Amino acid sequence: MMRKLFDQELKTLNDKLFSMGALVEKSIEKAINALINSNVEEAKKAIEEDDKIDQAKKDIESLCMKLLLTQQPVASDLRHISSALKMVTDLERIGDHAADISEITILLSRMEYTSDLDILKRMAVKTTEMVIRSLEAFSEGNVEKAKEVINDDDIVDELFLNVKDNVISIISSNPNKGGEATDLLMIGKYFERIGDHATNIAEWAIYSVQGDINVVQ
């Protein structure tokens, strides 16, 4: 009976992680849409999402502590709960980066920018996919899916290199666009960091299954 209740609470933990992941996904989507459309109101909504993400982190941390203090988790349960505690920190930081992108978008809205934003859009799509798939890997105990997420980080890194090349091209052709180029470079850097955090989540997903701390960077 106790084990059944504990399993239900673990499921609740997984559900809360997915809900937090959905908030993060929404925040990234709002941030990139605001940038592409130069939409200040959408950017402000993305920033507001960060408060919901912070609260979700607190709720999950409280549940994890409850499970640790009131139940008798075996080793695999301990790995699952401790991994969740690490994951929410990465998810919360992803939310911070989405808010950072939106704050830059608000600054950019005061000027006309003509840069091609396709690469940044591709980074947004790929990093969002990585976040969701890393959480799926954790919930499913799927090591192979987690490894796929880790490998996808190379794609994000390559896209960021393309962003840097574009920035150099912008400055070379029009030095007056230096401010715009710097802002776009920062947005690319934030997406690269989101990819790194998604990779961290995937690594914790592997740890929760295999118990190998060496997989976590």
Foldseek 3Di string as FASTA:
>chain_A
DQVVVLVVLLVVLLVLLVVLLVLLLQLLVLLLVCLVVLPLVSLVVSLVSLVVLVVSLVVSVVSLVCCVPVHDDDPLVVLLSVLSNVLSVLSSVSSVLSNVSSVLSNVCSVDDDDDDCVLLVVLSVLLSVLQNQLSVCLVVLPLVSLVVLLVSLVVLVVSLVVLVVSLVVCCVVPVVCNVVSVSSNSNSVSSNSSSVSSNQSSQSSNCSNPVDCVSHD
